[in-house]
């Protein structure tokens, strides 16, 4: 079950969101993500090649933890 902060993020209409393509786009394997700022440090993330899927939404704390994990090599 989601908490209140996640409920708010998933209730947001992203129709007019400003999506930014990752600088780590791989044009050969077609793997790419786009990120939209939802305010307050929260973000939405989607697959740029399958925009029909619902974007994932992360609170500021979740996004920060993910970024630190990437920096520290936790997902390698």
C-alpha atoms as a PDB file:
ATOM      1  CA  UNK A   1       0.000   0.000   0.000  1.00  0.00           C
ATOM      2  CA  UNK A   2       1.326   3.444  -0.900  1.00  0.00           C
ATOM      3  CA  UNK A   3       1.744   6.206   1.615  1.00  0.00           C
ATOM      4  CA  UNK A   4       0.146   9.645   1.305  1.00  0.00           C
ATOM      5  CA  UNK A   5       3.154  11.198  -0.458  1.00  0.00           C
ATOM      6  CA  UNK A   6       3.118   8.492  -3.130  1.00  0.00           C
ATOM      7  CA  UNK A   7      -0.652   8.801  -3.513  1.00  0.00           C
ATOM      8  CA  UNK A   8      -0.206  12.513  -4.259  1.00  0.00           C
ATOM      9  CA  UNK A   9       2.511  11.812  -6.849  1.00  0.00           C
ATOM     10  CA  UNK A  10       0.433   9.154  -8.610  1.00  0.00           C
ATOM     11  CA  UNK A  11      -2.618  11.431  -8.640  1.00  0.00           C
ATOM     12  CA  UNK A  12      -0.708  14.107 -10.589  1.00  0.00           C
ATOM     13  CA  UNK A  13      -1.649  14.661 -14.227  1.00  0.00           C
ATOM     14  CA  UNK A  14       1.553  14.425 -16.282  1.00  0.00           C
ATOM     15  CA  UNK A  15      -0.023  15.427 -19.594  1.00  0.00           C
ATOM     16  CA  UNK A  16       1.941  18.687 -19.723  1.00  0.00           C
ATOM     17  CA  UNK A  17       5.037  17.471 -17.858  1.00  0.00           C
ATOM     18  CA  UNK A  18       8.392  18.726 -19.109  1.00  0.00           C
ATOM     19  CA  UNK A  19      10.321  15.517 -19.833  1.00  0.00           C
ATOM     20  CA  UNK A  20      14.124  15.608 -20.040  1.00  0.00           C
ATOM     21  CA  UNK A  21      16.036  12.829 -21.788  1.00  0.00           C
ATOM     22  CA  UNK A  22      18.863  11.242 -19.852  1.00  0.00           C
ATOM     23  CA  UNK A  23      22.371  12.203 -20.915  1.00  0.00           C
ATOM     24  CA  UNK A  24      23.201   8.478 -20.730  1.00  0.00           C
ATOM     25  CA  UNK A  25      20.978   7.546 -23.661  1.00  0.00           C
ATOM     26  CA  UNK A  26      22.255   4.554 -25.603  1.00  0.00           C
ATOM     27  CA  UNK A  27      21.223   5.044 -29.215  1.00  0.00           C
ATOM     28  CA  UNK A  28      22.429   1.585 -30.272  1.00  0.00           C
ATOM     29  CA  UNK A  29      20.438  -0.488 -27.801  1.00  0.00           C
ATOM     30  CA  UNK A  30      17.581   2.036 -27.654  1.00  0.00           C
ATOM     31  CA  UNK A  31      17.678   2.151 -23.860  1.00  0.00           C
ATOM     32  CA  UNK A  32      16.697   5.550 -22.594  1.00  0.00           C
ATOM     33  CA  UNK A  33      14.783   7.152 -19.781  1.00  0.00           C
ATOM     34  CA  UNK A  34      13.178  10.541 -19.422  1.00  0.00           C
ATOM     35  CA  UNK A  35      12.680  12.382 -16.147  1.00  0.00           C
ATOM     36  CA  UNK A  36      10.094  15.028 -15.232  1.00  0.00           C
ATOM     37  CA  UNK A  37      10.369  17.292 -12.195  1.00  0.00           C
ATOM     38  CA  UNK A  38       7.232  17.021 -10.058  1.00  0.00           C
ATOM     39  CA  UNK A  39       8.255  19.687  -7.566  1.00  0.00           C
ATOM     40  CA  UNK A  40       9.800  19.446  -4.132  1.00  0.00           C
ATOM     41  CA  UNK A  41      12.490  17.076  -5.384  1.00  0.00           C
ATOM     42  CA  UNK A  42      10.008  14.438  -6.556  1.00  0.00           C
ATOM     43  CA  UNK A  43      10.318  13.076 -10.102  1.00  0.00           C
ATOM     44  CA  UNK A  44       8.583  10.870 -12.622  1.00  0.00           C
ATOM     45  CA  UNK A  45      10.612   8.508 -14.814  1.00  0.00           C
ATOM     46  CA  UNK A  46       9.506   6.879 -18.056  1.00  0.00           C
ATOM     47  CA  UNK A  47      10.888   4.756 -20.870  1.00  0.00           C
ATOM     48  CA  UNK A  48      11.319   7.110 -23.815  1.00  0.00           C
ATOM     49  CA  UNK A  49      10.691   4.303 -26.300  1.00  0.00           C
ATOM     50  CA  UNK A  50       7.526   3.026 -24.654  1.00  0.00           C
ATOM     51  CA  UNK A  51       5.691   6.138 -23.533  1.00  0.00           C
ATOM     52  CA  UNK A  52       2.423   4.226 -23.282  1.00  0.00           C
ATOM     53  CA  UNK A  53       3.569   2.708 -20.002  1.00  0.00           C
ATOM     54  CA  UNK A  54       2.716   4.568 -16.835  1.00  0.00           C
ATOM     55  CA  UNK A  55       5.723   6.532 -15.523  1.00  0.00           C
ATOM     56  CA  UNK A  56       7.227   5.572 -12.194  1.00  0.00           C
ATOM     57  CA  UNK A  57       7.080   8.318  -9.574  1.00  0.00           C
ATOM     58  CA  UNK A  58       9.585   8.859  -6.803  1.00  0.00           C
ATOM     59  CA  UNK A  59       9.496  11.049  -3.710  1.00  0.00           C
ATOM     60  CA  UNK A  60      12.475  13.332  -3.125  1.00  0.00           C
ATOM     61  CA  UNK A  61      13.865  10.862  -0.572  1.00  0.00           C
ATOM     62  CA  UNK A  62      13.533   7.893  -2.934  1.00  0.00           C
ATOM     63  CA  UNK A  63      15.111   9.791  -5.825  1.00  0.00           C
ATOM     64  CA  UNK A  64      18.006  10.916  -3.636  1.00  0.00           C
ATOM     65  CA  UNK A  65      18.630   7.357  -2.422  1.00  0.00           C
ATOM     66  CA  UNK A  66      18.569   6.081  -6.016  1.00  0.00           C
ATOM     67  CA  UNK A  67      21.021   8.733  -7.202  1.00  0.00           C
ATOM     68  CA  UNK A  68      23.401   8.025  -4.322  1.00  0.00           C
ATOM     69  CA  UNK A  69      23.173   4.296  -5.034  1.00  0.00           C
ATOM     70  CA  UNK A  70      24.024   4.896  -8.686  1.00  0.00           C
ATOM     71  CA  UNK A  71      26.964   7.064  -7.714  1.00  0.00           C
ATOM     72  CA  UNK A  72      28.222   4.428  -5.279  1.00  0.00           C
ATOM     73  CA  UNK A  73      27.899   1.549  -7.777  1.00  0.00           C
ATOM     74  CA  UNK A  74      25.161  -0.332  -5.916  1.00  0.00           C
ATOM     75  CA  UNK A  75      23.417  -1.414  -9.103  1.00  0.00           C
ATOM     76  CA  UNK A  76      26.402  -2.758 -11.040  1.00  0.00           C
END
